[in-house]
C-alpha atoms as a PDB file:
ATOM      1  CA  MET A   1     118.087  95.139  93.713  1.00  0.00           C
ATOM      2  CA  ILE A   2     116.880  98.769  93.627  1.00  0.00           C
ATOM      3  CA  THR A   3     115.534 100.311  96.734  1.00  0.00           C
ATOM      4  CA  CYS A   4     112.473 102.403  96.975  1.00  0.00           C
ATOM      5  CA  LEU A   5     113.281 106.150  96.190  1.00  0.00           C
ATOM      6  CA  HIS A   6     109.929 107.757  95.954  1.00  0.00           C
ATOM      7  CA  HIS A   7     109.775 108.178  99.913  1.00  0.00           C
ATOM      8  CA  TYR A   8     112.292 110.447 101.724  1.00  0.00           C
ATOM      9  CA  ASN A   9     113.584 107.747 103.912  1.00  0.00           C
ATOM     10  CA  GLY A  10     112.624 104.892 101.635  1.00  0.00           C
ATOM     11  CA  CYS A  11     109.622 102.644 102.342  1.00  0.00           C
ATOM     12  CA  GLY A  12     111.417  99.258 103.384  1.00  0.00           C
ATOM     13  CA  TYR A  13     111.033  97.619 100.096  1.00  0.00           C
ATOM     14  CA  ALA A  14     113.335  96.474  97.350  1.00  0.00           C
ATOM     15  CA  PHE A  15     112.224  96.014  93.746  1.00  0.00           C
ATOM     16  CA  THR A  16     113.520  92.859  91.868  1.00  0.00           C
ATOM     17  CA  GLN A  17     112.264  92.233  88.264  1.00  0.00           C
ATOM     18  CA  GLY A  18     108.935  94.153  89.114  1.00  0.00           C
ATOM     19  CA  GLU A  19     108.250  92.416  92.217  1.00  0.00           C
ATOM     20  CA  ARG A  20     107.910  94.031  95.518  1.00  0.00           C
ATOM     21  CA  VAL A  21     109.851  92.261  98.324  1.00  0.00           C
ATOM     22  CA  PRO A  22     110.605  93.651 101.919  1.00  0.00           C
ATOM     23  CA  PHE A  23     114.181  93.807 102.936  1.00  0.00           C
ATOM     24  CA  GLU A  24     115.851  94.250 106.198  1.00  0.00           C
ATOM     25  CA  ARG A  25     116.801  97.989 106.888  1.00  0.00           C
ATOM     26  CA  SER A  26     119.491  98.860 109.344  1.00  0.00           C
ATOM     27  CA  GLY A  27     118.531 100.223 112.467  1.00  0.00           C
ATOM     28  CA  GLY A  28     115.852  97.554 113.410  1.00  0.00           C
ATOM     29  CA  ALA A  29     113.011  99.162 111.658  1.00  0.00           C
ATOM     30  CA  ALA A  30     109.627  97.274 111.737  1.00  0.00           C
ATOM     31  CA  ASP A  31     108.772  94.938 108.894  1.00  0.00           C
ATOM     32  CA  PRO A  32     106.199  96.912 106.618  1.00  0.00           C
ATOM     33  CA  LEU A  33     104.810  93.646 105.098  1.00  0.00           C
ATOM     34  CA  ARG A  34     104.047  92.374 108.726  1.00  0.00           C
ATOM     35  CA  ASN A  35     102.518  95.727 109.533  1.00  0.00           C
ATOM     36  CA  SER A  36     100.189  95.542 106.448  1.00  0.00           C
ATOM     37  CA  VAL A  37      99.054  92.151 107.157  1.00  0.00           C
ATOM     38  CA  ALA A  38      98.040  93.389 110.930  1.00  0.00           C
ATOM     39  CA  ILE A  39      96.187  96.251 109.500  1.00  0.00           C
ATOM     40  CA  ARG A  40      94.460  94.178 107.127  1.00  0.00           C
ATOM     41  CA  GLY A  41      93.358  91.736 109.919  1.00  0.00           C
ATOM     42  CA  ASN A  42      91.935  94.820 111.852  1.00  0.00           C
ATOM     43  CA  VAL A  43      89.933  95.950 108.588  1.00  0.00           C
ATOM     44  CA  VAL A  44      88.258  92.450 108.180  1.00  0.00           C
ATOM     45  CA  ALA A  45      87.373  92.455 112.071  1.00  0.00           C
ATOM     46  CA  VAL A  46      85.972  95.947 111.570  1.00  0.00           C
ATOM     47  CA  ARG A  47      84.025  94.819 108.621  1.00  0.00           C
ATOM     48  CA  SER A  48      82.585  91.786 110.146  1.00  0.00           C
ATOM     49  CA  ALA A  49      81.519  93.925 113.197  1.00  0.00           C
ATOM     50  CA  ILE A  50      79.728  96.309 110.896  1.00  0.00           C
ATOM     51  CA  VAL A  51      77.912  93.624 109.211  1.00  0.00           C
ATOM     52  CA  ILE A  52      76.774  92.212 112.581  1.00  0.00           C
ATOM     53  CA  VAL A  53      75.504  95.651 113.682  1.00  0.00           C
ATOM     54  CA  THR A  54      73.799  96.121 110.465  1.00  0.00           C
ATOM     55  CA  GLY A  55      71.998  92.796 110.753  1.00  0.00           C
ATOM     56  CA  VAL A  56      70.900  93.614 114.280  1.00  0.00           C
ATOM     57  CA  PHE A  57      69.573  97.086 113.068  1.00  0.00           C
ATOM     58  CA  GLY A  58      67.576  95.435 110.303  1.00  0.00           C
ATOM     59  CA  VAL A  59      66.098  93.033 112.876  1.00  0.00           C
ATOM     60  CA  LEU A  60      65.164  95.810 115.314  1.00  0.00           C
ATOM     61  CA  LEU A  61      63.788  97.962 112.496  1.00  0.00           C
ATOM     62  CA  ALA A  62      61.555  95.005 111.493  1.00  0.00           C
ATOM     63  CA  ALA A  63      60.397  94.506 114.988  1.00  0.00           C
ATOM     64  CA  SER A  64      59.507  98.157 115.475  1.00  0.00           C
ATOM     65  CA  GLY A  65      57.678  98.126 111.921  1.00  0.00           C
ATOM     66  CA  LEU A  66      55.716  94.930 113.387  1.00  0.00           C
ATOM     67  CA  VAL A  67      54.678  96.881 116.440  1.00  0.00           C
ATOM     68  CA  TRP A  68      53.666  99.913 114.490  1.00  0.00           C
ATOM     69  CA  THR A  69      51.698  97.741 112.330  1.00  0.00           C
ATOM     70  CA  LEU A  70      49.806  96.061 115.067  1.00  0.00           C
ATOM     71  CA  GLN A  71      49.114  99.469 116.729  1.00  0.00           C
ATOM     72  CA  GLY A  72      48.077 101.028 113.408  1.00  0.00           C
ATOM     73  CA  ILE A  73      45.324  98.127 112.812  1.00  0.00           C
ATOM     74  CA  GLY A  74      44.300  98.331 116.491  1.00  0.00           C
ATOM     75  CA  VAL A  75      45.504  94.932 117.871  1.00  0.00           C
ATOM     76  CA  LEU A  76      47.882  96.802 120.449  1.00  0.00           C
ATOM     77  CA  GLY A  77      46.061  99.640 122.031  1.00  0.00           C
ATOM     78  CA  GLY A  78      46.873 102.241 124.586  1.00  0.00           C
ATOM     79  CA  SER A  79      48.785 104.594 122.337  1.00  0.00           C
ATOM     80  CA  PRO A  80      47.992 107.538 120.162  1.00  0.00           C
ATOM     81  CA  MET A  81      49.107 105.454 117.357  1.00  0.00           C
ATOM     82  CA  SER A  82      46.346 103.000 117.896  1.00  0.00           C
ATOM     83  CA  ASN A  83      43.687 102.556 115.221  1.00  0.00           C
ATOM     84  CA  THR A  84      45.648 104.972 113.008  1.00  0.00           C
ATOM     85  CA  THR A  85      45.765 104.418 109.055  1.00  0.00           C
ATOM     86  CA  THR A  86      49.174 106.263 108.906  1.00  0.00           C
ATOM     87  CA  TRP A  87      50.876 103.750 111.199  1.00  0.00           C
ATOM     88  CA  SER A  88      49.011 100.759 109.469  1.00  0.00           C
ATOM     89  CA  ILE A  89      50.841 101.841 106.293  1.00  0.00           C
ATOM     90  CA  ILE A  90      54.124 102.981 107.583  1.00  0.00           C
ATOM     91  CA  GLY A  91      54.496  99.836 109.605  1.00  0.00           C
ATOM     92  CA  PRO A  92      54.535  97.082 106.988  1.00  0.00           C
ATOM     93  CA  ILE A  93      56.941  99.316 104.938  1.00  0.00           C
ATOM     94  CA  THR A  94      59.214  99.454 107.723  1.00  0.00           C
ATOM     95  CA  VAL A  95      58.972  95.785 108.335  1.00  0.00           C
ATOM     96  CA  VAL A  96      59.966  95.164 104.782  1.00  0.00           C
ATOM     97  CA  VAL A  97      62.989  97.528 104.774  1.00  0.00           C
ATOM     98  CA  GLY A  98      64.153  96.242 108.004  1.00  0.00           C
ATOM     99  CA  LEU A  99      63.965  92.518 106.752  1.00  0.00           C
ATOM    100  CA  VAL A 100      65.932  93.479 103.397  1.00  0.00           C
ATOM    101  CA  ILE A 101      68.583  95.136 105.559  1.00  0.00           C
ATOM    102  CA  ALA A 102      68.865  91.964 107.769  1.00  0.00           C
ATOM    103  CA  TYR A 103      68.900  89.751 104.829  1.00  0.00           C
ATOM    104  CA  ARG A 104      71.565  91.643 103.073  1.00  0.00           C
ATOM    105  CA  ALA A 105      73.768  91.700 106.217  1.00  0.00           C
ATOM    106  CA  TRP A 106      73.209  87.868 106.630  1.00  0.00           C
ATOM    107  CA  ARG A 107      74.226  87.367 102.926  1.00  0.00           C
ATOM    108  CA  ALA A 108      77.341  89.691 103.387  1.00  0.00           C
ATOM    109  CA  ARG A 109      78.419  87.508 106.591  1.00  0.00           C
ATOM    110  CA  ARG A 110      77.763  84.097 104.653  1.00  0.00           C
ATOM    111  CA  ARG A 111      79.914  85.368 101.761  1.00  0.00           C
ATOM    112  CA  ARG A 112      82.763  86.272 104.083  1.00  0.00           C
ATOM    113  CA  GLY A 113      82.666  82.835 105.864  1.00  0.00           C
END
């Protein structure tokens, strides 16, 4: 068994036949393998939260695009955006972009389980 020598104080791993296995260090040091599992769990939780936030952003973007479209074609009045060709073009494009973002987030969430 050879201990890791590439760190100044060692990294808490022993190498046996090309495998990395944790070993007990004197002084009650924390188990590096256990710490890496905890960090990995936090990364998964953060990625899951990012996917949810991205999906909500996509839905809100699509809803905003729908409102802009309805204002642009004159269905929703009372705004300087009403009956304006610019917003009747920008609105549907925004709806499509928002739906694509929401769909991709939904697909990413389904793949992760």
